[in-house]
């Protein structure tokens, strides 16, 4: 068995339209990339839920497993890289812009 990180996307939908997107990175133990992706989707689907706000009902929907990466370390210690990706300047600027 090996350790993987899996990035999954959720949308927070109000009135059937995505009002906010959420990315979660989870730790998965699996025998292959394919199995890690399957397990990540299975876990993420269990995270779908809904809640009421002052602006109405919000439904949290699993959308997709965005990527699965093998964690290339024999042990999980301080500083172990669990997830990485390369970004275009516009993507980095978007990620660094706080919500209002």
Protein backbone atom coordinates (compact mmCIF):
# COMPACT_ATOMS: atom_id res chain seq x y z
CA UNK A 1 0.00 0.00 0.00
CA UNK A 2 1.11 3.54 -0.75
CA UNK A 3 -0.02 6.98 0.35
CA UNK A 4 -1.62 9.42 -2.07
CA UNK A 5 -3.01 12.91 -1.87
CA UNK A 6 -6.26 13.51 -3.72
CA UNK A 7 -7.65 16.96 -4.56
CA UNK A 8 -11.43 16.96 -4.86
CA UNK A 9 -13.82 19.73 -5.88
CA UNK A 10 -17.17 20.55 -4.32
CA UNK A 11 -19.63 23.24 -5.31
CA UNK A 12 -21.83 25.06 -2.81
CA UNK A 13 -25.02 25.62 -4.78
CA UNK A 14 -27.78 28.08 -3.98
CA UNK A 15 -30.83 28.13 -6.25
CA UNK A 16 -29.23 25.35 -8.37
CA UNK A 17 -26.25 27.60 -9.25
CA UNK A 18 -22.71 27.25 -7.91
CA UNK A 19 -22.09 30.22 -5.65
CA UNK A 20 -18.82 28.99 -4.18
CA UNK A 21 -16.31 26.26 -5.03
CA UNK A 22 -14.31 24.30 -2.48
CA UNK A 23 -11.14 22.28 -3.00
CA UNK A 24 -10.21 19.66 -0.41
CA UNK A 25 -6.97 17.70 -0.35
CA UNK A 26 -7.29 14.35 1.38
CA UNK A 27 -4.89 11.60 2.34
CA UNK A 28 -5.64 8.20 0.77
CA UNK A 29 -3.98 4.83 1.28
CA UNK A 30 -4.24 2.69 -1.85
CA UNK A 31 -2.43 0.23 -4.07
CA UNK A 32 -2.58 2.35 -7.26
CA UNK A 33 -3.43 5.79 -8.64
CA UNK A 34 -6.68 4.37 -9.99
CA UNK A 35 -7.72 2.90 -6.64
CA UNK A 36 -6.77 6.15 -4.87
CA UNK A 37 -9.04 8.10 -7.23
CA UNK A 38 -11.90 5.67 -6.67
CA UNK A 39 -11.52 5.86 -2.87
CA UNK A 40 -11.28 9.67 -2.94
CA UNK A 41 -14.52 9.89 -4.91
CA UNK A 42 -16.24 7.44 -2.57
CA UNK A 43 -15.19 9.44 0.50
CA UNK A 44 -16.03 12.80 -1.09
CA UNK A 45 -19.54 11.70 -2.12
CA UNK A 46 -20.22 10.92 1.55
CA UNK A 47 -19.38 14.58 2.27
CA UNK A 48 -22.29 15.92 0.24
CA UNK A 49 -24.78 17.73 2.46
CA UNK A 50 -27.07 20.73 2.67
CA UNK A 51 -27.66 23.49 5.18
CA UNK A 52 -29.92 26.47 5.65
CA UNK A 53 -28.60 30.03 5.66
CA UNK A 54 -30.31 33.40 5.99
CA UNK A 55 -30.22 33.52 2.15
CA UNK A 56 -31.78 30.09 1.66
CA UNK A 57 -30.78 26.47 1.27
CA UNK A 58 -27.21 25.63 0.23
CA UNK A 59 -26.42 22.21 -1.23
CA UNK A 60 -22.82 20.99 -1.18
CA UNK A 61 -22.20 18.70 -4.17
CA UNK A 62 -19.15 16.62 -4.97
CA UNK A 63 -18.05 17.57 -8.49
CA UNK A 64 -14.88 15.63 -9.30
CA UNK A 65 -11.55 14.26 -8.26
CA UNK A 66 -9.28 16.90 -9.75
CA UNK A 67 -6.01 14.98 -9.33
CA UNK A 68 -4.34 12.17 -7.44
CA UNK A 69 -0.64 12.28 -6.55
CA UNK A 70 1.60 9.64 -5.07
CA UNK A 71 3.28 10.88 -1.90
CA UNK A 72 6.90 10.10 -2.59
CA UNK A 73 8.06 9.53 0.95
CA UNK A 74 8.36 6.40 3.05
CA UNK A 75 7.17 8.20 6.18
CA UNK A 76 4.79 11.03 6.94
CA UNK A 77 6.76 13.54 8.99
CA UNK A 78 6.89 17.30 9.44
CA UNK A 79 7.62 18.82 6.06
CA UNK A 80 6.46 15.87 3.95
CA UNK A 81 5.02 17.28 0.70
CA UNK A 82 1.47 15.99 0.43
CA UNK A 83 0.32 17.97 -2.60
CA UNK A 84 1.84 20.28 -5.17
CA UNK A 85 0.86 21.86 -8.45
CA UNK A 86 2.15 24.44 -10.87
CA UNK A 87 0.06 27.57 -11.41
CA UNK A 88 -0.18 30.25 -14.05
CA UNK A 89 0.24 33.79 -12.73
CA UNK A 90 -3.49 34.46 -13.08
CA UNK A 91 -4.31 31.30 -11.09
CA UNK A 92 -1.92 32.26 -8.30
CA UNK A 93 -3.32 35.81 -8.19
CA UNK A 94 -6.84 34.42 -7.95
CA UNK A 95 -5.87 32.07 -5.11
CA UNK A 96 -4.15 34.92 -3.25
CA UNK A 97 -7.15 37.24 -3.52
CA UNK A 98 -9.23 36.99 -0.31
CA UNK A 99 -13.00 36.66 -0.36
CA UNK A 100 -14.83 39.88 0.47
